[in-house]
């Protein structure tokens, strides 16, 4: 009899596609589109009827509009007794949720080096960000220019996967400009601090999204939370400078540590993958180890902020005759 799933000798997954035609009654036009998916084939044993191999295949077709909880199986199998298959349509399984853009693929090649740097920078920001305010501002300028260079690279080379050297030229150029901009921002502490706090606000927004806001399963909630946190944290530097710097550097440092550790341990999803999971309604399918990063992210943020407040230089009381 066909393989039942208890003693598989082979499990193979391949991408599949099919043409689907739909008729529009309003325009009397038949439209054809390509639907992609994944076929998982389980092989094992010999079919008694034919003497050939026995297989069982699950074909999952992608439809971003079908949430996981709405996925249904009609109970019908196609094929023959030796090689049956069933078909499902859903936003998970068949849809490409975990693919990375070119930037993430290129960064993955050098992640052992980035991980070391991110952990070191994260420790500095989390526990000494306020006391080392100018170096912290330099990091903000460096980070801003590097990310901007990578975004320009992505826009220019969006379809190429063979531009590794060019990628590093862009990233290196962004890093050099970032160092110069960071040194200039260190001279303009208020402006530089606002940019640094903006990055801290972005990391704070990630904490809120990963710990609470993901329950809403809306992409606009993800982006709104991050943008609001960026603007609020940047604005607070002009009102409560010390507190804003301590909190935002602690949070940004915690994020850098988490991302640095993930370069060696894995099980971490980049932010754009999280957006895809939110779009598909598959956020509850996330790797459980990922939540360990979220817990560590929050814990380091709290500990770092507490430590920085604890060692913050106390303001000297003014002499009564100097009022």
Protein backbone atom coordinates (compact mmCIF):
# COMPACT_ATOMS: atom_id res chain seq x y z
CA UNK A 1 0.00 0.00 0.00
CA UNK A 2 1.16 3.61 -0.42
CA UNK A 3 3.36 5.24 2.17
CA UNK A 4 1.43 6.10 5.33
CA UNK A 5 3.95 8.43 6.97
CA UNK A 6 5.47 6.09 9.53
CA UNK A 7 8.67 4.94 7.85
CA UNK A 8 9.61 7.37 5.10
CA UNK A 9 12.80 6.70 3.17
CA UNK A 10 12.64 10.02 1.39
CA UNK A 11 10.93 13.36 1.81
CA UNK A 12 11.30 15.80 -1.08
CA UNK A 13 10.00 19.35 -1.42
CA UNK A 14 9.89 21.20 -4.75
CA UNK A 15 8.33 24.42 -5.95
CA UNK A 16 5.40 24.04 -8.33
CA UNK A 17 3.21 26.33 -10.41
CA UNK A 18 0.04 26.20 -12.44
CA UNK A 19 -1.99 28.44 -14.70
CA UNK A 20 -5.38 29.50 -13.38
CA UNK A 21 -7.96 31.15 -15.66
CA UNK A 22 -10.75 33.36 -14.34
CA UNK A 23 -13.60 34.89 -16.33
CA UNK A 24 -14.59 38.49 -15.59
CA UNK A 25 -18.33 38.86 -16.24
CA UNK A 26 -18.08 42.65 -16.27
CA UNK A 27 -15.54 42.82 -19.09
CA UNK A 28 -16.16 39.42 -20.70
CA UNK A 29 -12.43 38.79 -20.55
CA UNK A 30 -10.69 35.64 -19.38
CA UNK A 31 -7.57 36.37 -17.36
CA UNK A 32 -4.82 33.83 -16.75
CA UNK A 33 -2.40 34.06 -13.86
CA UNK A 34 0.39 31.86 -12.57
CA UNK A 35 -0.11 30.41 -9.09
CA UNK A 36 2.92 29.08 -7.22
CA UNK A 37 3.18 26.57 -4.45
CA UNK A 38 5.14 23.78 -2.83
CA UNK A 39 4.80 20.02 -3.29
CA UNK A 40 6.06 17.75 -0.50
CA UNK A 41 6.42 14.12 -1.56
CA UNK A 42 6.84 11.27 0.91
CA UNK A 43 8.31 8.09 -0.57
CA UNK A 44 8.66 4.68 1.04
CA UNK A 45 7.95 1.04 0.29
CA UNK A 46 6.64 -0.66 -2.82
CA UNK A 47 3.13 -0.46 -4.21
CA UNK A 48 1.67 -3.97 -4.21
CA UNK A 49 -0.52 -3.24 -7.22
CA UNK A 50 2.20 -2.22 -9.65
CA UNK A 51 5.43 -3.20 -7.91
CA UNK A 52 6.66 0.39 -8.32
CA UNK A 53 7.53 2.95 -5.62
CA UNK A 54 4.75 4.24 -3.38
CA UNK A 55 4.50 7.98 -2.80
CA UNK A 56 2.14 10.46 -1.17
CA UNK A 57 2.24 14.14 -2.14
CA UNK A 58 0.80 17.25 -0.52
CA UNK A 59 0.47 20.19 -2.91
CA UNK A 60 -0.01 23.54 -1.20
CA UNK A 61 -0.93 26.48 -3.44
CA UNK A 62 -0.32 30.06 -2.44
CA UNK A 63 -3.20 32.47 -1.83
CA UNK A 64 -2.21 35.38 0.45
CA UNK A 65 -5.88 36.04 1.21
CA UNK A 66 -6.51 32.64 2.85
CA UNK A 67 -5.46 32.79 6.50
CA UNK A 68 -4.13 29.64 8.20
CA UNK A 69 -7.28 29.18 10.28
CA UNK A 70 -9.39 29.31 7.09
CA UNK A 71 -7.39 26.61 5.31
CA UNK A 72 -9.56 23.60 4.59
CA UNK A 73 -9.03 20.15 3.09
CA UNK A 74 -12.00 18.79 1.16
CA UNK A 75 -11.19 15.16 1.88
CA UNK A 76 -10.46 14.20 -1.73
CA UNK A 77 -7.28 12.64 -3.12
CA UNK A 78 -6.20 12.64 -6.75
CA UNK A 79 -3.74 10.48 -8.63
CA UNK A 80 -3.78 6.70 -8.35
CA UNK A 81 -3.62 4.19 -5.55
CA UNK A 82 0.18 4.09 -5.68
CA UNK A 83 0.86 7.80 -6.03
CA UNK A 84 -2.00 9.80 -4.54
CA UNK A 85 -1.84 13.52 -3.82
CA UNK A 86 -3.99 16.11 -2.11
CA UNK A 87 -4.18 19.85 -2.73
CA UNK A 88 -4.56 22.75 -0.30
CA UNK A 89 -4.71 26.50 -0.80
CA UNK A 90 -3.42 28.78 1.96
CA UNK A 91 -1.25 31.78 2.83
CA UNK A 92 1.26 29.46 4.49
CA UNK A 93 2.94 26.38 3.12
CA UNK A 94 2.67 27.47 -0.49
CA UNK A 95 3.57 31.13 -0.12
CA UNK A 96 7.19 32.22 0.07
CA UNK A 97 7.23 33.70 3.56
CA UNK A 98 10.84 33.24 4.62
CA UNK A 99 12.71 34.41 1.52
CA UNK A 100 15.20 37.20 1.98
CA UNK A 101 16.03 40.14 -0.23
CA UNK A 102 19.48 40.41 -1.80
CA UNK A 103 20.71 42.56 1.09
CA UNK A 104 19.95 39.90 3.69
CA UNK A 105 21.57 37.21 1.54
CA UNK A 106 24.78 39.21 1.19
CA UNK A 107 24.85 40.19 4.86
CA UNK A 108 24.44 36.53 5.78
CA UNK A 109 27.78 35.73 4.14
CA UNK A 110 29.67 38.01 6.53
CA UNK A 111 27.49 37.52 9.61
CA UNK A 112 30.30 36.04 11.80
CA UNK A 113 32.13 39.38 11.53
CA UNK A 114 29.01 41.51 11.88
CA UNK A 115 27.94 39.49 14.92
CA UNK A 116 31.14 40.29 16.81
CA UNK A 117 30.86 44.01 16.01
CA UNK A 118 27.16 44.18 16.89
CA UNK A 119 27.62 42.46 20.25
CA UNK A 120 30.48 44.82 21.14
CA UNK A 121 28.58 47.93 20.06
CA UNK A 122 25.45 46.65 21.80
CA UNK A 123 27.19 46.20 25.15
CA UNK A 124 28.64 49.71 24.89
CA UNK A 125 25.28 51.28 24.05
CA UNK A 126 23.26 49.32 26.59
CA UNK A 127 25.45 50.02 29.60
CA UNK A 128 27.55 53.07 28.71
CA UNK A 129 25.55 54.85 26.00
CA UNK A 130 24.89 57.98 28.07
CA UNK A 131 28.37 58.29 29.56
CA UNK A 132 29.91 57.76 26.10
CA UNK A 133 27.39 60.00 24.39
CA UNK A 134 29.65 61.24 21.59
CA UNK A 135 30.86 57.75 20.53
CA UNK A 136 27.21 56.67 20.67
CA UNK A 137 26.23 59.53 18.37
CA UNK A 138 29.04 58.51 15.99
CA UNK A 139 27.51 55.03 15.87
CA UNK A 140 24.13 56.58 14.98
CA UNK A 141 25.66 58.54 12.08
CA UNK A 142 27.61 55.50 10.91
CA UNK A 143 24.49 53.31 11.07
CA UNK A 144 22.30 55.84 9.25
CA UNK A 145 24.67 56.28 6.31
CA UNK A 146 25.41 52.57 6.00
CA UNK A 147 21.72 51.65 5.95
CA UNK A 148 21.02 54.41 3.42
CA UNK A 149 23.80 53.08 1.16
CA UNK A 150 22.36 49.55 1.38
CA UNK A 151 18.89 50.81 0.49
CA UNK A 152 20.28 52.59 -2.58
CA UNK A 153 22.16 49.42 -3.53
CA UNK A 154 18.95 47.41 -3.21
CA UNK A 155 17.06 49.86 -5.42
CA UNK A 156 19.76 49.77 -8.12
CA UNK A 157 20.59 46.05 -8.07
CA UNK A 158 17.22 44.64 -7.00
CA UNK A 159 17.21 41.82 -9.58
CA UNK A 160 20.86 40.78 -9.41
CA UNK A 161 22.33 38.07 -7.21
CA UNK A 162 25.85 38.21 -8.67
CA UNK A 163 26.95 41.62 -7.41
CA UNK A 164 28.68 40.61 -4.17
CA UNK A 165 31.75 42.78 -4.78
CA UNK A 166 29.54 45.74 -5.73
CA UNK A 167 27.53 45.19 -2.55
CA UNK A 168 30.63 45.51 -0.41
CA UNK A 169 31.72 48.62 -2.33
CA UNK A 170 28.39 50.25 -1.52
CA UNK A 171 28.45 49.15 2.09
CA UNK A 172 32.07 50.22 2.50
CA UNK A 173 31.33 53.61 0.94
CA UNK A 174 28.37 54.05 3.25
CA UNK A 175 30.54 53.11 6.22
CA UNK A 176 33.24 55.65 5.30
CA UNK A 177 30.68 58.41 4.84
CA UNK A 178 29.01 57.24 8.06
CA UNK A 179 32.23 57.71 10.04
CA UNK A 180 32.61 61.25 8.71
CA UNK A 181 28.96 62.09 9.39
CA UNK A 182 29.19 60.51 12.84
CA UNK A 183 32.18 62.70 13.75
CA UNK A 184 30.34 65.79 12.52
CA UNK A 185 27.22 64.87 14.49
CA UNK A 186 29.34 64.46 17.62
CA UNK A 187 30.06 68.18 17.28
CA UNK A 188 26.32 68.93 17.15
CA UNK A 189 25.25 66.89 20.14
CA UNK A 190 21.56 67.86 20.12
CA UNK A 191 21.03 66.91 16.48
CA UNK A 192 23.13 63.78 16.76
CA UNK A 193 21.34 62.76 19.93
CA UNK A 194 17.97 63.12 18.18
CA UNK A 195 19.16 60.78 15.39
CA UNK A 196 20.53 58.34 17.96
CA UNK A 197 17.25 58.46 19.87
CA UNK A 198 15.40 57.84 16.60
CA UNK A 199 17.29 54.58 16.16
CA UNK A 200 16.54 53.73 19.77
CA UNK A 201 12.88 54.47 19.05
CA UNK A 202 13.00 52.07 16.11
CA UNK A 203 14.35 49.34 18.40
CA UNK A 204 11.69 50.21 21.00
CA UNK A 205 9.04 49.88 18.32
CA UNK A 206 10.39 46.41 17.52
CA UNK A 207 10.07 45.42 21.18
CA UNK A 208 6.45 46.58 21.23
CA UNK A 209 5.68 44.80 17.96
CA UNK A 210 7.36 41.57 18.95
CA UNK A 211 5.93 41.49 22.47
CA UNK A 212 2.42 42.95 22.06
CA UNK A 213 1.39 44.53 18.77
CA UNK A 214 1.87 41.39 16.66
CA UNK A 215 -1.45 40.15 18.07
CA UNK A 216 -3.25 42.61 15.78
CA UNK A 217 -1.71 40.92 12.69
CA UNK A 218 -1.79 44.14 10.64
CA UNK A 219 1.25 45.42 8.76
CA UNK A 220 0.16 49.04 9.18
CA UNK A 221 0.22 48.55 12.97
CA UNK A 222 3.84 47.37 12.68
CA UNK A 223 4.94 50.44 10.72
CA UNK A 224 2.81 52.92 12.69
CA UNK A 225 4.26 51.67 15.98
CA UNK A 226 7.82 52.04 14.73
CA UNK A 227 7.34 55.48 13.16
CA UNK A 228 5.59 56.85 16.27
CA UNK A 229 8.34 55.51 18.53
CA UNK A 230 11.04 57.04 16.31
CA UNK A 231 9.41 60.48 16.29
CA UNK A 232 8.56 60.50 20.00
CA UNK A 233 12.04 59.39 21.12
CA UNK A 234 13.76 61.90 18.83
CA UNK A 235 11.53 64.72 20.11
CA UNK A 236 12.09 63.80 23.76
CA UNK A 237 15.82 64.49 23.46
CA UNK A 238 14.96 68.22 23.29
CA UNK A 239 12.90 68.02 26.50
CA UNK A 240 14.36 65.33 28.77
CA UNK A 241 17.78 64.73 27.28
CA UNK A 242 19.30 62.48 29.95
CA UNK A 243 16.33 60.17 30.31
CA UNK A 244 15.74 59.92 26.56
CA UNK A 245 19.38 59.06 25.91
CA UNK A 246 19.56 56.43 28.61
CA UNK A 247 16.38 54.64 27.57
CA UNK A 248 17.00 54.74 23.82
CA UNK A 249 20.66 53.70 23.98
CA UNK A 250 19.74 50.81 26.30
CA UNK A 251 17.05 49.60 23.91
CA UNK A 252 19.18 50.06 20.78
CA UNK A 253 22.08 48.26 22.45
CA UNK A 254 19.83 45.38 23.48
CA UNK A 255 18.66 45.02 19.88
CA UNK A 256 22.26 45.03 18.62
CA UNK A 257 23.20 42.32 21.13
CA UNK A 258 20.23 40.16 20.11
CA UNK A 259 21.04 40.50 16.42
CA UNK A 260 24.72 39.85 17.08
CA UNK A 261 23.99 36.66 19.01
CA UNK A 262 21.62 35.52 16.25
CA UNK A 263 24.53 35.61 13.79
CA UNK A 264 25.96 32.58 15.61
CA UNK A 265 22.90 30.89 17.12
CA UNK A 266 20.25 31.46 14.44
CA UNK A 267 16.46 31.19 15.00
CA UNK A 268 15.97 34.94 14.52
CA UNK A 269 13.65 36.45 11.90
CA UNK A 270 14.58 39.73 10.27
CA UNK A 271 11.97 42.47 10.36
CA UNK A 272 10.88 42.01 6.74
CA UNK A 273 10.17 38.34 7.33
CA UNK A 274 8.02 39.33 10.31
CA UNK A 275 6.06 41.63 8.00
CA UNK A 276 5.47 38.73 5.59
CA UNK A 277 4.26 36.56 8.45
CA UNK A 278 1.90 39.32 9.56
CA UNK A 279 0.52 39.69 6.03
CA UNK A 280 -0.19 35.99 5.78
CA UNK A 281 -1.64 35.64 9.26
CA UNK A 282 1.04 33.06 10.05
CA UNK A 283 2.70 34.92 12.92
CA UNK A 284 1.70 32.13 15.32
CA UNK A 285 3.77 29.69 13.23
CA UNK A 286 6.99 31.41 14.26
CA UNK A 287 9.96 29.45 15.63
CA UNK A 288 9.50 29.21 19.44
CA UNK A 289 13.21 29.94 19.97
CA UNK A 290 12.56 33.38 18.49
CA UNK A 291 10.68 34.36 21.64
CA UNK A 292 13.86 33.76 23.62
CA UNK A 293 15.40 36.65 21.70
CA UNK A 294 12.39 38.81 22.45
CA UNK A 295 12.67 38.02 26.17
CA UNK A 296 16.40 38.72 26.16
CA UNK A 297 15.79 41.92 24.18
CA UNK A 298 13.41 43.22 26.86
CA UNK A 299 15.55 42.03 29.77
CA UNK A 300 18.78 43.64 28.51
CA UNK A 301 16.91 46.87 27.77
CA UNK A 302 15.60 47.05 31.35
CA UNK A 303 18.91 46.06 32.96
CA UNK A 304 20.87 48.45 30.75
CA UNK A 305 18.56 51.38 31.52
CA UNK A 306 18.65 50.60 35.25
CA UNK A 307 22.45 50.46 35.25
CA UNK A 308 22.82 53.69 33.30
CA UNK A 309 20.45 55.53 35.63
CA UNK A 310 22.33 54.07 38.58
CA UNK A 311 25.78 55.29 37.43
CA UNK A 312 24.60 58.55 35.90
CA UNK A 313 26.59 61.49 37.30
CA UNK A 314 24.51 63.33 39.86
CA UNK A 315 24.00 67.04 39.11
CA UNK A 316 25.93 69.26 41.49
CA UNK A 317 23.72 71.49 43.67
CA UNK A 318 24.10 75.16 42.89
CA UNK A 319 25.67 77.41 45.51
CA UNK A 320 22.98 79.55 47.19
CA UNK A 321 24.88 82.75 46.35
CA UNK A 322 24.91 81.83 42.65
CA UNK A 323 21.11 81.92 42.23
